[in-house]
Amino acid sequence: MADKQGRRWSFESVRRLPSGPWLDAVAHHVEHFTAPGRDGHVFVGPQGGLLRRSNFRDDRAKARKAAGISVALHFHELRHTGNTPASTAGASTRGLMTRMGHSSSRAALVHQHMTSDRDRAIADRLGAVIRDGGGAATDPSEKDPADP
């Protein structure tokens, strides 16, 4: 199958994800604003047809201004926004790849970012490991009691 620009996609790219507290908002959107049927578009134009770039651009600009979001934020960056909290919540790289439909770890890593909160948590955990002696080096001449 191909989209209107001729880009290929397959049913393997369709994936199911577990729901979260946002499910009610998604269900409301699907019920009131999408085209009908399994193959219906999730985002449609003002008359219910295909969403055209000009319709999307104008509506997005209004919504962006109303939300106080900078014009510097590009729509595609929302993919980054989605992967960063998933990573912070503990998703593995493979988990991120599945959620975002990426076939390479590089693509998944590009779409996630380190947050200062996450950096602080890592530093705190490393400090605990060191304080508890978990990071202490052993003398190479000592035999490991667990090694027969």
Foldseek 3Di string as FASTA:
>chain_A
DADPVRDDDDCVLDDDDDDDPCVVVLVVQQVPAWDDDPPIGSHDAPVRHRDDPVRCVVVVVVVCVVVVHDPPDDPVLVLLVVLAVVVVVPQDLVRQCSVSVHPDSVVSVVSYDDDPVNVVVVVVVVVVCVVVVVPDDDDPVDDDPVPD
